[in-house]
């Protein structure tokens, strides 16, 4: 097996665990349907790659050229994959 055939293990963690300038791909958005729908409308849905600009409450994330301020309620979770 060559190095290119090996899978790089991914780490899955909550969005707020990303450090500034760290990239992640959204693995899961879970919570009340209304909250999940609103996040999807903002571009935060499974499969999307984002960059953490400023962790904290609220977090600021970059989706391409757009910046979003994200404050999740207690029932909503966004999990991201990192390398």
Protein backbone atom coordinates (compact mmCIF):
# COMPACT_ATOMS: atom_id res chain seq x y z
CA UNK A 1 0.00 0.00 0.00
CA UNK A 2 1.44 3.35 -1.02
CA UNK A 3 1.23 6.51 1.05
CA UNK A 4 -1.40 7.89 -1.33
CA UNK A 5 -3.63 4.85 -0.70
CA UNK A 6 -3.65 5.39 3.06
CA UNK A 7 -6.50 7.36 4.57
CA UNK A 8 -5.56 10.31 6.73
CA UNK A 9 -7.46 10.01 10.02
CA UNK A 10 -9.87 12.84 10.62
CA UNK A 11 -10.71 14.29 13.99
CA UNK A 12 -14.33 15.29 14.62
CA UNK A 13 -14.93 18.06 17.15
CA UNK A 14 -17.43 20.78 17.98
CA UNK A 15 -17.18 23.97 15.93
CA UNK A 16 -16.19 26.00 18.99
CA UNK A 17 -13.12 23.76 19.50
CA UNK A 18 -11.46 25.04 16.30
CA UNK A 19 -8.58 27.45 16.84
CA UNK A 20 -8.26 30.75 14.98
CA UNK A 21 -7.36 30.17 11.30
CA UNK A 22 -8.05 26.43 11.56
CA UNK A 23 -10.10 24.83 8.78
CA UNK A 24 -12.85 22.27 9.25
CA UNK A 25 -15.46 20.53 7.13
CA UNK A 26 -18.93 20.36 8.63
CA UNK A 27 -19.74 16.74 9.48
CA UNK A 28 -23.03 17.22 11.34
CA UNK A 29 -25.51 19.98 12.13
CA UNK A 30 -28.01 18.83 14.74
CA UNK A 31 -30.67 20.48 16.85
CA UNK A 32 -34.21 21.79 16.49
CA UNK A 33 -35.36 21.65 12.88
CA UNK A 34 -35.92 25.42 12.79
CA UNK A 35 -32.35 26.12 13.98
CA UNK A 36 -30.79 23.61 11.59
CA UNK A 37 -32.78 25.11 8.69
CA UNK A 38 -31.68 28.65 9.58
CA UNK A 39 -28.02 27.58 9.75
CA UNK A 40 -28.38 25.86 6.35
CA UNK A 41 -29.81 29.10 4.90
CA UNK A 42 -26.68 30.87 6.16
CA UNK A 43 -24.49 28.27 4.42
CA UNK A 44 -23.65 26.14 7.47
CA UNK A 45 -24.57 22.62 6.31
CA UNK A 46 -22.90 19.23 6.08
CA UNK A 47 -19.98 19.03 3.65
CA UNK A 48 -19.13 22.75 3.72
CA UNK A 49 -15.54 23.75 4.51
CA UNK A 50 -15.08 26.75 6.76
CA UNK A 51 -12.28 28.60 8.54
CA UNK A 52 -12.49 29.79 12.13
CA UNK A 53 -11.72 33.51 12.25
CA UNK A 54 -12.41 34.11 15.94
CA UNK A 55 -13.39 31.38 18.36
CA UNK A 56 -15.61 32.27 21.26
CA UNK A 57 -19.19 33.27 21.85
CA UNK A 58 -20.12 34.29 19.26
CA UNK A 59 -17.64 32.64 16.91
CA UNK A 60 -16.78 34.28 13.61
CA UNK A 61 -16.29 31.85 10.72
CA UNK A 62 -15.40 32.31 7.06
CA UNK A 63 -17.26 30.54 4.27
CA UNK A 64 -15.34 31.55 1.17
CA UNK A 65 -15.44 35.37 1.04
CA UNK A 66 -18.32 35.64 3.49
CA UNK A 67 -17.95 36.05 7.27
CA UNK A 68 -20.60 34.84 9.71
CA UNK A 69 -21.11 35.43 13.40
CA UNK A 70 -22.34 32.18 14.95
CA UNK A 71 -23.92 31.80 18.37
CA UNK A 72 -25.47 28.37 18.94
CA UNK A 73 -28.21 27.66 21.46
CA UNK A 74 -27.81 24.84 23.98
CA UNK A 75 -29.70 22.33 21.82
CA UNK A 76 -27.76 22.96 18.58
CA UNK A 77 -24.42 21.40 17.72
CA UNK A 78 -22.13 21.70 14.70
CA UNK A 79 -19.41 19.05 14.41
CA UNK A 80 -16.46 19.58 12.06
CA UNK A 81 -13.77 17.28 10.69
CA UNK A 82 -10.15 18.39 10.80
CA UNK A 83 -6.98 16.70 9.56
